[in-house]
Amino acid sequence: SQLKALVDELSALGLDVLVVMPAKYCDPVVPNHSKRPKQHDEPRLTTTLSDQDRATIADWAASGNLYPVPRGCHDDMYWMLATVSGAGPVAVTNDQVR
């Protein structure tokens, strides 16, 4: 995945990487917000993570490189806080920061 490639590249540069993502995206089946149901009464669409994606998430969790933001919490606040904690943190995000 693109995220794994980025984490691997930043780690290779000697940076400590912390992946901050909503906990729901660490589950085997995740909501798919890029595809909306065509009809209002259709169920929300989901995506099943591949074995490789699940293994990547498990590896990040085991190595301390993953912070799953608890359900009901605003994930933007967590990664923004991480950028002002410590010496010289860098944030990379695809978030629209609404």
C-alpha atoms as a PDB file:
ATOM      1  CA  SER A   1       0.000   0.000   0.000  1.00  0.00           C
ATOM      2  CA  GLN A   2       1.018   3.623  -0.386  1.00  0.00           C
ATOM      3  CA  LEU A   3       1.015   4.158   3.360  1.00  0.00           C
ATOM      4  CA  LYS A   4       3.321   1.190   3.975  1.00  0.00           C
ATOM      5  CA  ALA A   5       5.702   2.432   1.264  1.00  0.00           C
ATOM      6  CA  LEU A   6       5.813   5.869   2.911  1.00  0.00           C
ATOM      7  CA  VAL A   7       6.382   4.422   6.383  1.00  0.00           C
ATOM      8  CA  ASP A   8       9.154   2.174   5.040  1.00  0.00           C
ATOM      9  CA  GLU A   9      10.837   5.103   3.252  1.00  0.00           C
ATOM     10  CA  LEU A  10      10.703   7.397   6.297  1.00  0.00           C
ATOM     11  CA  SER A  11      12.008   4.600   8.524  1.00  0.00           C
ATOM     12  CA  ALA A  12      14.869   3.979   6.084  1.00  0.00           C
ATOM     13  CA  LEU A  13      15.784   7.660   6.472  1.00  0.00           C
ATOM     14  CA  GLY A  14      16.159   7.076  10.207  1.00  0.00           C
ATOM     15  CA  LEU A  15      12.930   8.776  11.258  1.00  0.00           C
ATOM     16  CA  ASP A  16      10.718   7.428  14.038  1.00  0.00           C
ATOM     17  CA  VAL A  17       7.329   6.937  12.431  1.00  0.00           C
ATOM     18  CA  LEU A  18       3.990   6.968  14.211  1.00  0.00           C
ATOM     19  CA  VAL A  19       0.953   6.075  12.131  1.00  0.00           C
ATOM     20  CA  VAL A  20      -2.135   7.740  13.614  1.00  0.00           C
ATOM     21  CA  MET A  21      -5.400   6.409  12.226  1.00  0.00           C
ATOM     22  CA  PRO A  22      -8.935   5.855  13.439  1.00  0.00           C
ATOM     23  CA  ALA A  23      -9.319   2.462  15.118  1.00  0.00           C
ATOM     24  CA  LYS A  24     -12.108   1.527  12.697  1.00  0.00           C
ATOM     25  CA  TYR A  25      -9.511   1.411   9.902  1.00  0.00           C
ATOM     26  CA  CYS A  26      -7.531  -1.203  11.818  1.00  0.00           C
ATOM     27  CA  ASP A  27     -10.450  -3.644  11.695  1.00  0.00           C
ATOM     28  CA  PRO A  28     -10.546  -6.437   9.077  1.00  0.00           C
ATOM     29  CA  VAL A  29     -13.599  -4.816   7.431  1.00  0.00           C
ATOM     30  CA  VAL A  30     -13.505  -1.031   7.156  1.00  0.00           C
ATOM     31  CA  PRO A  31     -15.983   1.603   6.003  1.00  0.00           C
ATOM     32  CA  ASN A  32     -15.410   2.716   2.439  1.00  0.00           C
ATOM     33  CA  HIS A  33     -16.076   6.442   2.313  1.00  0.00           C
ATOM     34  CA  SER A  34     -14.857   6.878  -1.256  1.00  0.00           C
ATOM     35  CA  LYS A  35     -17.794   4.908  -2.649  1.00  0.00           C
ATOM     36  CA  ARG A  36     -21.254   6.043  -1.637  1.00  0.00           C
ATOM     37  CA  PRO A  37     -24.377   3.903  -1.973  1.00  0.00           C
ATOM     38  CA  LYS A  38     -26.373   4.820  -5.070  1.00  0.00           C
ATOM     39  CA  GLN A  39     -29.664   4.810  -3.223  1.00  0.00           C
ATOM     40  CA  HIS A  40     -30.389   6.304   0.182  1.00  0.00           C
ATOM     41  CA  ASP A  41     -31.737   3.011   1.543  1.00  0.00           C
ATOM     42  CA  GLU A  42     -28.745   0.906   0.417  1.00  0.00           C
ATOM     43  CA  PRO A  43     -26.328  -0.289   3.111  1.00  0.00           C
ATOM     44  CA  ARG A  44     -23.043   1.547   3.556  1.00  0.00           C
ATOM     45  CA  LEU A  45     -20.197   0.097   1.559  1.00  0.00           C
ATOM     46  CA  THR A  46     -17.219  -1.581   3.197  1.00  0.00           C
ATOM     47  CA  THR A  47     -13.832  -2.882   2.146  1.00  0.00           C
ATOM     48  CA  THR A  48     -12.186  -6.021   3.475  1.00  0.00           C
ATOM     49  CA  LEU A  49      -8.482  -5.557   4.185  1.00  0.00           C
ATOM     50  CA  SER A  50      -6.106  -7.922   2.452  1.00  0.00           C
ATOM     51  CA  ASP A  51      -3.991 -10.348   4.442  1.00  0.00           C
ATOM     52  CA  GLN A  52      -0.982  -8.154   3.614  1.00  0.00           C
ATOM     53  CA  ASP A  53      -2.713  -5.002   4.938  1.00  0.00           C
ATOM     54  CA  ARG A  54      -3.755  -6.781   8.144  1.00  0.00           C
ATOM     55  CA  ALA A  55      -0.182  -8.032   8.609  1.00  0.00           C
ATOM     56  CA  THR A  56       1.190  -4.513   8.074  1.00  0.00           C
ATOM     57  CA  ILE A  57      -1.165  -3.069  10.697  1.00  0.00           C
ATOM     58  CA  ALA A  58      -0.238  -5.862  13.121  1.00  0.00           C
ATOM     59  CA  ASP A  59       3.482  -5.194  12.532  1.00  0.00           C
ATOM     60  CA  TRP A  60       3.041  -1.454  13.182  1.00  0.00           C
ATOM     61  CA  ALA A  61       1.099  -2.185  16.364  1.00  0.00           C
ATOM     62  CA  ALA A  62       3.701  -4.680  17.621  1.00  0.00           C
ATOM     63  CA  SER A  63       6.581  -2.277  16.930  1.00  0.00           C
ATOM     64  CA  GLY A  64       4.870   0.708  18.567  1.00  0.00           C
ATOM     65  CA  ASN A  65       4.487   2.554  15.259  1.00  0.00           C
ATOM     66  CA  LEU A  66       0.681   2.575  15.297  1.00  0.00           C
ATOM     67  CA  TYR A  67      -1.674   4.682  17.380  1.00  0.00           C
ATOM     68  CA  PRO A  68      -5.276   3.688  16.677  1.00  0.00           C
ATOM     69  CA  VAL A  69      -7.444   6.659  17.658  1.00  0.00           C
ATOM     70  CA  PRO A  70     -10.311   5.428  19.852  1.00  0.00           C
ATOM     71  CA  ARG A  71     -13.766   5.345  18.321  1.00  0.00           C
ATOM     72  CA  GLY A  72     -15.702   8.534  18.883  1.00  0.00           C
ATOM     73  CA  CYS A  73     -12.546  10.660  19.078  1.00  0.00           C
ATOM     74  CA  HIS A  74     -11.537  13.208  16.467  1.00  0.00           C
ATOM     75  CA  ASP A  75      -8.376  11.780  14.845  1.00  0.00           C
ATOM     76  CA  ASP A  76      -7.190  15.193  13.601  1.00  0.00           C
ATOM     77  CA  MET A  77      -6.551  16.275  17.182  1.00  0.00           C
ATOM     78  CA  TYR A  78      -4.285  13.286  17.774  1.00  0.00           C
ATOM     79  CA  TRP A  79      -1.976  13.761  14.810  1.00  0.00           C
ATOM     80  CA  MET A  80      -1.886  17.517  15.331  1.00  0.00           C
ATOM     81  CA  LEU A  81      -0.846  16.981  18.948  1.00  0.00           C
ATOM     82  CA  ALA A  82       1.850  14.568  17.800  1.00  0.00           C
ATOM     83  CA  THR A  83       3.350  17.277  15.569  1.00  0.00           C
ATOM     84  CA  VAL A  84       3.971  19.592  18.519  1.00  0.00           C
ATOM     85  CA  SER A  85       5.306  16.857  20.802  1.00  0.00           C
ATOM     86  CA  GLY A  86       9.002  16.129  20.760  1.00  0.00           C
ATOM     87  CA  ALA A  87      11.858  17.452  18.693  1.00  0.00           C
ATOM     88  CA  GLY A  88      11.184  18.164  15.045  1.00  0.00           C
ATOM     89  CA  PRO A  89       8.188  15.962  14.249  1.00  0.00           C
ATOM     90  CA  VAL A  90       6.917  15.908  10.680  1.00  0.00           C
ATOM     91  CA  ALA A  91       3.314  15.203   9.681  1.00  0.00           C
ATOM     92  CA  VAL A  92       2.227  13.632   6.428  1.00  0.00           C
ATOM     93  CA  THR A  93      -1.513  13.476   5.912  1.00  0.00           C
ATOM     94  CA  ASN A  94      -4.128  13.023   3.237  1.00  0.00           C
ATOM     95  CA  ASP A  95      -6.719  14.510   5.577  1.00  0.00           C
ATOM     96  CA  GLN A  96      -8.752  17.525   4.515  1.00  0.00           C
ATOM     97  CA  VAL A  97      -8.489  18.932   8.053  1.00  0.00           C
ATOM     98  CA  ARG A  98     -12.011  20.283   8.283  1.00  0.00           C
END
